[in-house]
Amino acid sequence: MSRQVQGYLYLAAAMVMVGSTVIASKLIASGLPPFTATALRFAIALPFFLALMRLAGTPWPKPGRRDWVLLILQAGAGSVGYTTLLISGLRLTSAASAGLIIGTLPVVSAAIAILVLGERPHRFLLMAIALATVGVLSITFQSGGGHSLLGNALIFAAVVCEGLFILLNKRLHVDVAPLALSALMTGLGLTVSIMPALLFEAPWTIEAGGAALAAVGYYALVPTVGGFVLWYAGSARVSGAEASLFTALAPVSAVFFAVVLLGEPVSAAQIFGIGCVLVAVVGLGLTRKSDSAIASANLVPER
């Protein structure tokens, strides 16, 4: 098997894991409050990231005061904000709809870069944004079938949080190795999420079901840690543009798992929406240079 084919397989597996986080979050939402679940996820994942750093000989970063502020904001937005909003939204909407909305992350990240950083948009990027918007709107205003306008809005807010995570990462003055950044985000995410969990959710009084706890453990170890390892193993073997195309597998796998594992129905509007999102993501990947593709996509498995 060639090195390139190995990379494709690793990337595909990583994105399937990302799609499965929607199902895990749906199960978590039925048994645990969002901040408690988020803190537990990071508490499980952190020792594994620290062990990986030790095995790889990755040095601990030494950011300055300004970068520490940015890192804390990253953890609050991309780590805690994303996870808590995702779990909260999935209390109200279907996993299939959530998977479709989450699939817009590369396009949303590009849109945020245009609005906040003033980056000059390519015409194909504007077309991708328009297509992704049509895809999301096609399912956002559905009624019935487990769909909720508020739930869909919370999922989209989670995507915006992850987009802000990527934007803040571009503003760091010091280069932080991907593994060290994941460990940092996990540790800071635990710190940020544990306080509201203790203050507002009283986790010691919660009688969580086995399915919710198992889903937290799965989320922490398989998509968070395992997805990180697979994504970077894959992206080291292929170009950035090729790697970015694999992000389209995340919404597809999320919808597939929602149908197969949760028995959710898929409407014509959802099929149309996921088609728009897939075309948008693939088109975006085809028009990007390698470095910008990785910058917008390489944090996806950590979600």
C-alpha atoms as a PDB file:
ATOM      1  CA  MET A   1       0.000   0.000   0.000  1.00  0.00           C
ATOM      2  CA  SER A   2       1.429   3.374  -1.016  1.00  0.00           C
ATOM      3  CA  ARG A   3       2.096   6.169   1.461  1.00  0.00           C
ATOM      4  CA  GLN A   4      -0.576   8.302  -0.231  1.00  0.00           C
ATOM      5  CA  VAL A   5      -3.250   5.597   0.041  1.00  0.00           C
ATOM      6  CA  GLN A   6      -2.349   5.132   3.709  1.00  0.00           C
ATOM      7  CA  GLY A   7      -2.866   8.856   4.181  1.00  0.00           C
ATOM      8  CA  TYR A   8      -6.285   8.690   2.560  1.00  0.00           C
ATOM      9  CA  LEU A   9      -7.337   5.840   4.846  1.00  0.00           C
ATOM     10  CA  TYR A  10      -6.122   7.643   7.969  1.00  0.00           C
ATOM     11  CA  LEU A  11      -7.907  10.852   6.994  1.00  0.00           C
ATOM     12  CA  ALA A  12     -11.120   9.041   6.143  1.00  0.00           C
ATOM     13  CA  ALA A  13     -11.077   7.221   9.489  1.00  0.00           C
ATOM     14  CA  ALA A  14     -10.454  10.491  11.346  1.00  0.00           C
ATOM     15  CA  MET A  15     -13.407  12.189   9.656  1.00  0.00           C
ATOM     16  CA  VAL A  16     -15.703   9.234  10.305  1.00  0.00           C
ATOM     17  CA  MET A  17     -14.757   9.602  13.969  1.00  0.00           C
ATOM     18  CA  VAL A  18     -15.622  13.284  13.818  1.00  0.00           C
ATOM     19  CA  GLY A  19     -19.043  12.400  12.414  1.00  0.00           C
ATOM     20  CA  SER A  20     -19.559   9.923  15.230  1.00  0.00           C
ATOM     21  CA  THR A  21     -19.170  12.694  17.828  1.00  0.00           C
ATOM     22  CA  VAL A  22     -22.647  13.882  16.886  1.00  0.00           C
ATOM     23  CA  ILE A  23     -24.097  10.512  17.891  1.00  0.00           C
ATOM     24  CA  ALA A  24     -22.020  10.457  21.076  1.00  0.00           C
ATOM     25  CA  SER A  25     -23.209  13.969  21.934  1.00  0.00           C
ATOM     26  CA  LYS A  26     -26.822  12.938  21.339  1.00  0.00           C
ATOM     27  CA  LEU A  27     -26.426  10.111  23.848  1.00  0.00           C
ATOM     28  CA  ILE A  28     -24.624  12.399  26.286  1.00  0.00           C
ATOM     29  CA  ALA A  29     -27.411  14.975  26.034  1.00  0.00           C
ATOM     30  CA  SER A  30     -29.924  12.428  27.274  1.00  0.00           C
ATOM     31  CA  GLY A  31     -28.070  11.769  30.530  1.00  0.00           C
ATOM     32  CA  LEU A  32     -25.600  14.515  31.441  1.00  0.00           C
ATOM     33  CA  PRO A  33     -25.649  18.330  31.564  1.00  0.00           C
ATOM     34  CA  PRO A  34     -23.294  19.981  29.059  1.00  0.00           C
ATOM     35  CA  PHE A  35     -20.567  21.447  31.290  1.00  0.00           C
ATOM     36  CA  THR A  36     -20.277  18.296  33.387  1.00  0.00           C
ATOM     37  CA  ALA A  37     -19.994  16.155  30.272  1.00  0.00           C
ATOM     38  CA  THR A  38     -17.424  18.527  28.771  1.00  0.00           C
ATOM     39  CA  ALA A  39     -15.268  18.552  31.903  1.00  0.00           C
ATOM     40  CA  LEU A  40     -15.425  14.753  32.111  1.00  0.00           C
ATOM     41  CA  ARG A  41     -14.424  14.430  28.455  1.00  0.00           C
ATOM     42  CA  PHE A  42     -11.346  16.587  28.943  1.00  0.00           C
ATOM     43  CA  ALA A  43     -10.418  14.902  32.222  1.00  0.00           C
ATOM     44  CA  ILE A  44     -10.337  11.543  30.430  1.00  0.00           C
ATOM     45  CA  ALA A  45      -8.461  12.790  27.352  1.00  0.00           C
ATOM     46  CA  LEU A  46      -5.798  14.925  29.073  1.00  0.00           C
ATOM     47  CA  PRO A  47      -3.599  12.101  30.481  1.00  0.00           C
ATOM     48  CA  PHE A  48      -3.481  10.481  27.041  1.00  0.00           C
ATOM     49  CA  PHE A  49      -2.351  13.705  25.345  1.00  0.00           C
ATOM     50  CA  LEU A  50       0.320  14.218  28.004  1.00  0.00           C
ATOM     51  CA  ALA A  51       1.512  10.643  27.475  1.00  0.00           C
ATOM     52  CA  LEU A  52       1.649  11.208  23.703  1.00  0.00           C
ATOM     53  CA  MET A  53       3.690  14.381  24.219  1.00  0.00           C
ATOM     54  CA  ARG A  54       6.157  12.438  26.364  1.00  0.00           C
ATOM     55  CA  LEU A  55       6.435   9.600  23.850  1.00  0.00           C
ATOM     56  CA  ALA A  56       6.911  11.993  20.948  1.00  0.00           C
ATOM     57  CA  GLY A  57       9.348  14.204  22.846  1.00  0.00           C
ATOM     58  CA  THR A  58       7.163  17.243  22.185  1.00  0.00           C
ATOM     59  CA  PRO A  59       8.288  20.200  24.313  1.00  0.00           C
ATOM     60  CA  TRP A  60       5.785  22.153  26.345  1.00  0.00           C
ATOM     61  CA  PRO A  61       5.209  25.564  24.718  1.00  0.00           C
ATOM     62  CA  LYS A  62       6.202  28.796  26.443  1.00  0.00           C
ATOM     63  CA  PRO A  63       3.723  31.417  25.224  1.00  0.00           C
ATOM     64  CA  GLY A  64       3.833  35.023  26.325  1.00  0.00           C
ATOM     65  CA  ARG A  65       1.114  36.806  28.276  1.00  0.00           C
ATOM     66  CA  ARG A  66      -0.802  37.852  25.139  1.00  0.00           C
ATOM     67  CA  ASP A  67      -0.688  34.339  23.718  1.00  0.00           C
ATOM     68  CA  TRP A  68      -1.916  32.887  27.015  1.00  0.00           C
ATOM     69  CA  VAL A  69      -4.966  35.132  26.754  1.00  0.00           C
ATOM     70  CA  LEU A  70      -5.568  33.932  23.203  1.00  0.00           C
ATOM     71  CA  LEU A  71      -5.134  30.302  24.244  1.00  0.00           C
ATOM     72  CA  ILE A  72      -7.671  30.704  27.047  1.00  0.00           C
ATOM     73  CA  LEU A  73     -10.104  32.325  24.620  1.00  0.00           C
ATOM     74  CA  GLN A  74      -9.492  29.440  22.212  1.00  0.00           C
ATOM     75  CA  ALA A  75     -10.264  26.913  24.909  1.00  0.00           C
ATOM     76  CA  GLY A  76     -13.395  28.790  25.928  1.00  0.00           C
ATOM     77  CA  ALA A  77     -14.687  29.067  22.363  1.00  0.00           C
ATOM     78  CA  GLY A  78     -13.478  26.023  20.473  1.00  0.00           C
ATOM     79  CA  SER A  79     -13.182  23.461  23.246  1.00  0.00           C
ATOM     80  CA  VAL A  80     -15.822  24.321  25.849  1.00  0.00           C
ATOM     81  CA  GLY A  81     -18.155  26.466  23.736  1.00  0.00           C
ATOM     82  CA  TYR A  82     -18.295  23.981  20.895  1.00  0.00           C
ATOM     83  CA  THR A  83     -18.930  20.924  23.054  1.00  0.00           C
ATOM     84  CA  THR A  84     -21.492  22.472  25.397  1.00  0.00           C
ATOM     85  CA  LEU A  85     -23.456  24.097  22.559  1.00  0.00           C
ATOM     86  CA  LEU A  86     -23.391  20.849  20.573  1.00  0.00           C
ATOM     87  CA  ILE A  87     -24.749  18.849  23.498  1.00  0.00           C
ATOM     88  CA  SER A  88     -27.346  21.514  24.298  1.00  0.00           C
ATOM     89  CA  GLY A  89     -28.488  21.705  20.686  1.00  0.00           C
ATOM     90  CA  LEU A  90     -28.817  17.942  20.405  1.00  0.00           C
ATOM     91  CA  ARG A  91     -31.321  17.966  23.254  1.00  0.00           C
ATOM     92  CA  LEU A  92     -33.638  19.751  20.826  1.00  0.00           C
ATOM     93  CA  THR A  93     -32.766  18.699  17.291  1.00  0.00           C
ATOM     94  CA  SER A  94     -31.917  15.530  15.398  1.00  0.00           C
ATOM     95  CA  ALA A  95     -28.413  14.129  15.033  1.00  0.00           C
ATOM     96  CA  ALA A  96     -28.808  14.100  11.243  1.00  0.00           C
ATOM     97  CA  SER A  97     -29.537  17.826  11.140  1.00  0.00           C
ATOM     98  CA  ALA A  98     -26.689  18.534  13.547  1.00  0.00           C
ATOM     99  CA  GLY A  99     -24.268  16.542  11.397  1.00  0.00           C
ATOM    100  CA  LEU A 100     -25.225  18.533   8.323  1.00  0.00           C
ATOM    101  CA  ILE A 101     -24.747  21.880  10.088  1.00  0.00           C
ATOM    102  CA  ILE A 102     -21.391  20.823  11.564  1.00  0.00           C
ATOM    103  CA  GLY A 103     -20.231  19.910   8.075  1.00  0.00           C
ATOM    104  CA  THR A 104     -20.194  23.602   7.198  1.00  0.00           C
ATOM    105  CA  LEU A 105     -17.203  24.270   9.484  1.00  0.00           C
ATOM    106  CA  PRO A 106     -14.589  24.774   6.726  1.00  0.00           C
ATOM    107  CA  VAL A 107     -16.883  27.207   4.922  1.00  0.00           C
ATOM    108  CA  VAL A 108     -17.845  29.040   8.124  1.00  0.00           C
ATOM    109  CA  SER A 109     -14.169  29.344   9.066  1.00  0.00           C
ATOM    110  CA  ALA A 110     -13.414  30.888   5.690  1.00  0.00           C
ATOM    111  CA  ALA A 111     -16.323  33.327   6.080  1.00  0.00           C
ATOM    112  CA  ILE A 112     -15.088  34.384   9.535  1.00  0.00           C
ATOM    113  CA  ALA A 113     -11.616  34.994   8.090  1.00  0.00           C
ATOM    114  CA  ILE A 114     -13.163  37.282   5.478  1.00  0.00           C
ATOM    115  CA  LEU A 115     -15.266  39.213   7.978  1.00  0.00           C
ATOM    116  CA  VAL A 116     -12.742  39.487  10.815  1.00  0.00           C
ATOM    117  CA  LEU A 117      -9.331  39.302   9.162  1.00  0.00           C
ATOM    118  CA  GLY A 118     -10.369  41.106   6.012  1.00  0.00           C
ATOM    119  CA  GLU A 119      -9.090  38.312   3.771  1.00  0.00           C
ATOM    120  CA  ARG A 120      -9.941  38.791   0.123  1.00  0.00           C
ATOM    121  CA  PRO A 121     -12.482  36.162  -0.950  1.00  0.00           C
ATOM    122  CA  HIS A 122     -12.116  34.132  -4.120  1.00  0.00           C
ATOM    123  CA  ARG A 123     -15.273  33.926  -6.222  1.00  0.00           C
ATOM    124  CA  PHE A 124     -15.383  30.161  -5.685  1.00  0.00           C
ATOM    125  CA  LEU A 125     -15.242  30.745  -1.926  1.00  0.00           C
ATOM    126  CA  LEU A 126     -18.262  33.039  -2.158  1.00  0.00           C
ATOM    127  CA  MET A 127     -20.073  30.338  -4.126  1.00  0.00           C
ATOM    128  CA  ALA A 128     -19.150  27.756  -1.468  1.00  0.00           C
ATOM    129  CA  ILE A 129     -20.485  30.011   1.290  1.00  0.00           C
ATOM    130  CA  ALA A 130     -23.724  30.522  -0.628  1.00  0.00           C
ATOM    131  CA  LEU A 131     -24.155  26.779  -1.223  1.00  0.00           C
ATOM    132  CA  ALA A 132     -23.476  25.903   2.410  1.00  0.00           C
ATOM    133  CA  THR A 133     -25.962  28.569   3.503  1.00  0.00           C
ATOM    134  CA  VAL A 134     -28.644  27.123   1.240  1.00  0.00           C
ATOM    135  CA  GLY A 135     -27.905  23.662   2.632  1.00  0.00           C
ATOM    136  CA  VAL A 136     -28.270  24.774   6.244  1.00  0.00           C
ATOM    137  CA  LEU A 137     -31.397  26.818   5.580  1.00  0.00           C
ATOM    138  CA  SER A 138     -33.010  23.844   3.861  1.00  0.00           C
ATOM    139  CA  ILE A 139     -33.162  21.978   7.170  1.00  0.00           C
ATOM    140  CA  THR A 140     -33.070  24.793   9.730  1.00  0.00           C
ATOM    141  CA  PHE A 141     -36.704  25.790   9.327  1.00  0.00           C
ATOM    142  CA  GLN A 142     -38.166  22.289   9.136  1.00  0.00           C
ATOM    143  CA  SER A 143     -40.947  21.531  11.555  1.00  0.00           C
ATOM    144  CA  GLY A 144     -41.540  18.251  13.322  1.00  0.00           C
ATOM    145  CA  GLY A 145     -39.440  15.105  13.093  1.00  0.00           C
ATOM    146  CA  GLY A 146     -37.242  16.084  16.016  1.00  0.00           C
ATOM    147  CA  HIS A 147     -36.176  19.357  14.402  1.00  0.00           C
ATOM    148  CA  SER A 148     -36.001  22.589  16.374  1.00  0.00           C
ATOM    149  CA  LEU A 149     -35.096  26.071  15.203  1.00  0.00           C
ATOM    150  CA  LEU A 150     -33.455  26.763  18.573  1.00  0.00           C
ATOM    151  CA  GLY A 151     -31.631  23.434  18.506  1.00  0.00           C
ATOM    152  CA  ASN A 152     -30.307  24.072  15.005  1.00  0.00           C
ATOM    153  CA  ALA A 153     -29.267  27.587  16.036  1.00  0.00           C
ATOM    154  CA  LEU A 154     -27.295  26.177  18.974  1.00  0.00           C
ATOM    155  CA  ILE A 155     -25.519  23.726  16.666  1.00  0.00           C
ATOM    156  CA  PHE A 156     -24.621  26.532  14.272  1.00  0.00           C
ATOM    157  CA  ALA A 157     -23.372  28.601  17.223  1.00  0.00           C
ATOM    158  CA  ALA A 158     -21.107  25.660  18.083  1.00  0.00           C
ATOM    159  CA  VAL A 159     -19.710  25.749  14.540  1.00  0.00           C
ATOM    160  CA  VAL A 160     -19.077  29.494  14.859  1.00  0.00           C
ATOM    161  CA  CYS A 161     -17.214  28.846  18.127  1.00  0.00           C
ATOM    162  CA  GLU A 162     -14.977  26.338  16.349  1.00  0.00           C
ATOM    163  CA  GLY A 163     -14.436  28.843  13.553  1.00  0.00           C
ATOM    164  CA  LEU A 164     -13.339  31.433  16.129  1.00  0.00           C
ATOM    165  CA  PHE A 165     -10.974  28.825  17.559  1.00  0.00           C
ATOM    166  CA  ILE A 166      -9.256  28.583  14.163  1.00  0.00           C
ATOM    167  CA  LEU A 167      -9.186  32.375  13.795  1.00  0.00           C
ATOM    168  CA  LEU A 168      -7.583  32.844  17.229  1.00  0.00           C
ATOM    169  CA  ASN A 169      -5.003  30.190  16.399  1.00  0.00           C
ATOM    170  CA  LYS A 170      -3.848  32.321  13.462  1.00  0.00           C
ATOM    171  CA  ARG A 171      -3.230  35.220  15.856  1.00  0.00           C
ATOM    172  CA  LEU A 172      -0.771  33.376  18.120  1.00  0.00           C
ATOM    173  CA  HIS A 173       2.707  34.905  18.109  1.00  0.00           C
ATOM    174  CA  VAL A 174       4.427  31.665  19.085  1.00  0.00           C
ATOM    175  CA  ASP A 175       4.197  28.496  17.014  1.00  0.00           C
ATOM    176  CA  VAL A 176       2.663  25.687  19.061  1.00  0.00           C
ATOM    177  CA  ALA A 177       3.083  22.114  17.850  1.00  0.00           C
ATOM    178  CA  PRO A 178      -0.267  20.428  17.075  1.00  0.00           C
ATOM    179  CA  LEU A 179       0.142  17.817  19.812  1.00  0.00           C
ATOM    180  CA  ALA A 180       1.095  20.434  22.396  1.00  0.00           C
ATOM    181  CA  LEU A 181      -1.840  22.610  21.290  1.00  0.00           C
ATOM    182  CA  SER A 182      -4.249  19.696  21.729  1.00  0.00           C
ATOM    183  CA  ALA A 183      -2.887  19.008  25.195  1.00  0.00           C
ATOM    184  CA  LEU A 184      -3.113  22.696  26.084  1.00  0.00           C
ATOM    185  CA  MET A 185      -6.679  23.001  24.815  1.00  0.00           C
ATOM    186  CA  THR A 186      -7.677  19.888  26.725  1.00  0.00           C
ATOM    187  CA  GLY A 187      -6.161  21.142  29.970  1.00  0.00           C
ATOM    188  CA  LEU A 188      -7.537  24.651  29.597  1.00  0.00           C
ATOM    189  CA  GLY A 189     -10.898  23.265  28.493  1.00  0.00           C
ATOM    190  CA  LEU A 190     -11.051  21.201  31.674  1.00  0.00           C
ATOM    191  CA  THR A 191     -10.221  24.269  33.758  1.00  0.00           C
ATOM    192  CA  VAL A 192     -12.812  26.456  32.016  1.00  0.00           C
ATOM    193  CA  SER A 193     -15.628  23.890  32.076  1.00  0.00           C
ATOM    194  CA  ILE A 194     -15.227  22.485  35.566  1.00  0.00           C
ATOM    195  CA  MET A 195     -16.197  25.714  37.362  1.00  0.00           C
ATOM    196  CA  PRO A 196     -19.666  26.166  35.766  1.00  0.00           C
ATOM    197  CA  ALA A 197     -20.186  22.415  36.121  1.00  0.00           C
ATOM    198  CA  LEU A 198     -19.578  22.607  39.878  1.00  0.00           C
ATOM    199  CA  LEU A 199     -21.443  25.891  40.372  1.00  0.00           C
ATOM    200  CA  PHE A 200     -24.534  25.350  38.233  1.00  0.00           C
ATOM    201  CA  GLU A 201     -24.939  21.634  37.533  1.00  0.00           C
ATOM    202  CA  ALA A 202     -23.993  19.992  40.858  1.00  0.00           C
ATOM    203  CA  PRO A 203     -22.569  16.864  39.176  1.00  0.00           C
ATOM    204  CA  TRP A 204     -22.431  14.931  42.439  1.00  0.00           C
ATOM    205  CA  THR A 205     -26.240  14.822  42.444  1.00  0.00           C
ATOM    206  CA  ILE A 206     -26.567  13.506  38.878  1.00  0.00           C
ATOM    207  CA  GLU A 207     -27.520   9.905  38.259  1.00  0.00           C
ATOM    208  CA  ALA A 208     -26.077   9.507  34.785  1.00  0.00           C
ATOM    209  CA  GLY A 209     -27.025   6.491  32.723  1.00  0.00           C
ATOM    210  CA  GLY A 210     -24.457   4.035  31.448  1.00  0.00           C
ATOM    211  CA  ALA A 211     -25.028   5.049  27.839  1.00  0.00           C
ATOM    212  CA  ALA A 212     -24.223   8.711  28.540  1.00  0.00           C
ATOM    213  CA  LEU A 213     -21.063   7.871  30.488  1.00  0.00           C
ATOM    214  CA  ALA A 214     -19.919   5.421  27.832  1.00  0.00           C
ATOM    215  CA  ALA A 215     -20.512   8.084  25.185  1.00  0.00           C
ATOM    216  CA  VAL A 216     -18.339  10.570  27.103  1.00  0.00           C
ATOM    217  CA  GLY A 217     -15.555   7.988  27.349  1.00  0.00           C
ATOM    218  CA  TYR A 218     -15.872   7.240  23.642  1.00  0.00           C
ATOM    219  CA  TYR A 219     -15.840  10.946  22.737  1.00  0.00           C
ATOM    220  CA  ALA A 220     -12.727  11.525  24.864  1.00  0.00           C
ATOM    221  CA  LEU A 221     -10.666   8.597  23.621  1.00  0.00           C
ATOM    222  CA  VAL A 222     -11.738   7.782  20.081  1.00  0.00           C
ATOM    223  CA  PRO A 223     -12.555  11.048  18.222  1.00  0.00           C
ATOM    224  CA  THR A 224     -10.529  13.380  20.474  1.00  0.00           C
ATOM    225  CA  VAL A 225      -7.308  11.401  20.953  1.00  0.00           C
ATOM    226  CA  GLY A 226      -7.602   8.776  18.218  1.00  0.00           C
ATOM    227  CA  GLY A 227      -8.910  11.271  15.679  1.00  0.00           C
ATOM    228  CA  PHE A 228      -5.985  13.578  16.360  1.00  0.00           C
ATOM    229  CA  VAL A 229      -3.433  10.799  15.790  1.00  0.00           C
ATOM    230  CA  LEU A 230      -5.097   9.585  12.593  1.00  0.00           C
ATOM    231  CA  TRP A 231      -5.596  13.072  11.134  1.00  0.00           C
ATOM    232  CA  TYR A 232      -1.979  14.117  11.537  1.00  0.00           C
ATOM    233  CA  ALA A 233      -0.693  10.733  10.388  1.00  0.00           C
ATOM    234  CA  GLY A 234      -2.823  11.139   7.269  1.00  0.00           C
ATOM    235  CA  SER A 235      -2.077  14.806   6.594  1.00  0.00           C
ATOM    236  CA  ALA A 236       1.654  14.054   6.770  1.00  0.00           C
ATOM    237  CA  ARG A 237       1.246  11.724   3.777  1.00  0.00           C
ATOM    238  CA  VAL A 238      -0.840  13.881   1.421  1.00  0.00           C
ATOM    239  CA  SER A 239      -1.118  17.509   0.359  1.00  0.00           C
ATOM    240  CA  GLY A 240      -3.098  20.039   2.360  1.00  0.00           C
ATOM    241  CA  ALA A 241      -5.631  20.453  -0.421  1.00  0.00           C
ATOM    242  CA  GLU A 242      -6.231  16.690  -0.521  1.00  0.00           C
ATOM    243  CA  ALA A 243      -6.574  16.555   3.260  1.00  0.00           C
ATOM    244  CA  SER A 244      -9.152  19.348   3.325  1.00  0.00           C
ATOM    245  CA  LEU A 245     -11.412  17.396   0.967  1.00  0.00           C
ATOM    246  CA  PHE A 246     -11.810  14.652   3.553  1.00  0.00           C
ATOM    247  CA  THR A 247     -13.654  17.020   5.890  1.00  0.00           C
ATOM    248  CA  ALA A 248     -16.679  16.361   3.663  1.00  0.00           C
ATOM    249  CA  LEU A 249     -16.866  12.859   5.153  1.00  0.00           C
ATOM    250  CA  ALA A 250     -17.796  14.220   8.597  1.00  0.00           C
ATOM    251  CA  PRO A 251     -21.406  15.264   7.801  1.00  0.00           C
ATOM    252  CA  VAL A 252     -21.928  12.166   5.646  1.00  0.00           C
ATOM    253  CA  SER A 253     -20.847   9.823   8.435  1.00  0.00           C
ATOM    254  CA  ALA A 254     -22.893  11.772  10.997  1.00  0.00           C
ATOM    255  CA  VAL A 255     -26.077  11.379   8.947  1.00  0.00           C
ATOM    256  CA  PHE A 256     -25.268   7.716   8.249  1.00  0.00           C
ATOM    257  CA  PHE A 257     -24.776   6.964  11.955  1.00  0.00           C
ATOM    258  CA  ALA A 258     -27.936   8.888  12.843  1.00  0.00           C
ATOM    259  CA  VAL A 259     -29.961   6.679  10.509  1.00  0.00           C
ATOM    260  CA  VAL A 260     -28.273   3.348  11.323  1.00  0.00           C
ATOM    261  CA  LEU A 261     -27.612   3.706  15.055  1.00  0.00           C
ATOM    262  CA  LEU A 262     -30.388   6.043  16.189  1.00  0.00           C
ATOM    263  CA  GLY A 263     -33.026   5.120  13.616  1.00  0.00           C
ATOM    264  CA  GLU A 264     -33.639   8.736  12.644  1.00  0.00           C
ATOM    265  CA  PRO A 265     -35.519   9.385   9.399  1.00  0.00           C
ATOM    266  CA  VAL A 266     -33.869  11.492   6.727  1.00  0.00           C
ATOM    267  CA  SER A 267     -36.066  13.961   4.878  1.00  0.00           C
ATOM    268  CA  ALA A 268     -35.754  15.192   1.321  1.00  0.00           C
ATOM    269  CA  ALA A 269     -34.746  18.592   2.686  1.00  0.00           C
ATOM    270  CA  GLN A 270     -31.882  17.000   4.620  1.00  0.00           C
ATOM    271  CA  ILE A 271     -30.695  15.083   1.558  1.00  0.00           C
ATOM    272  CA  PHE A 272     -30.768  18.282  -0.475  1.00  0.00           C
ATOM    273  CA  GLY A 273     -28.993  20.159   2.321  1.00  0.00           C
ATOM    274  CA  ILE A 274     -26.192  17.649   2.719  1.00  0.00           C
ATOM    275  CA  GLY A 275     -25.702  17.678  -1.045  1.00  0.00           C
ATOM    276  CA  CYS A 276     -25.227  21.458  -0.970  1.00  0.00           C
ATOM    277  CA  VAL A 277     -22.820  21.247   1.954  1.00  0.00           C
ATOM    278  CA  LEU A 278     -20.749  18.490   0.330  1.00  0.00           C
ATOM    279  CA  VAL A 279     -20.428  20.404  -2.928  1.00  0.00           C
ATOM    280  CA  ALA A 280     -19.452  23.521  -0.967  1.00  0.00           C
ATOM    281  CA  VAL A 281     -16.781  21.755   1.110  1.00  0.00           C
ATOM    282  CA  VAL A 282     -15.296  19.860  -1.840  1.00  0.00           C
ATOM    283  CA  GLY A 283     -15.310  22.993  -3.976  1.00  0.00           C
ATOM    284  CA  LEU A 284     -13.627  24.934  -1.191  1.00  0.00           C
ATOM    285  CA  GLY A 285     -10.929  22.296  -0.882  1.00  0.00           C
ATOM    286  CA  LEU A 286     -10.227  22.296  -4.592  1.00  0.00           C
ATOM    287  CA  THR A 287      -9.621  26.049  -4.644  1.00  0.00           C
ATOM    288  CA  ARG A 288      -7.338  26.245  -1.612  1.00  0.00           C
ATOM    289  CA  LYS A 289      -3.602  26.214  -1.351  1.00  0.00           C
ATOM    290  CA  SER A 290      -2.087  23.510   0.824  1.00  0.00           C
ATOM    291  CA  ASP A 291      -1.143  25.668   3.794  1.00  0.00           C
ATOM    292  CA  SER A 292      -4.511  27.428   4.074  1.00  0.00           C
ATOM    293  CA  ALA A 293      -6.371  24.139   3.720  1.00  0.00           C
ATOM    294  CA  ILE A 294      -4.529  22.604   6.638  1.00  0.00           C
ATOM    295  CA  ALA A 295      -4.952  25.741   8.748  1.00  0.00           C
ATOM    296  CA  SER A 296      -8.730  25.559   8.392  1.00  0.00           C
ATOM    297  CA  ALA A 297      -9.118  21.811   8.706  1.00  0.00           C
ATOM    298  CA  ASN A 298      -6.409  20.418  10.951  1.00  0.00           C
ATOM    299  CA  LEU A 299      -8.288  21.033  14.185  1.00  0.00           C
ATOM    300  CA  VAL A 300     -11.457  19.283  13.124  1.00  0.00           C
ATOM    301  CA  PRO A 301     -10.712  15.865  14.710  1.00  0.00           C
ATOM    302  CA  GLU A 302     -10.231  17.530  18.088  1.00  0.00           C
ATOM    303  CA  ARG A 303     -13.865  18.634  18.195  1.00  0.00           C
END
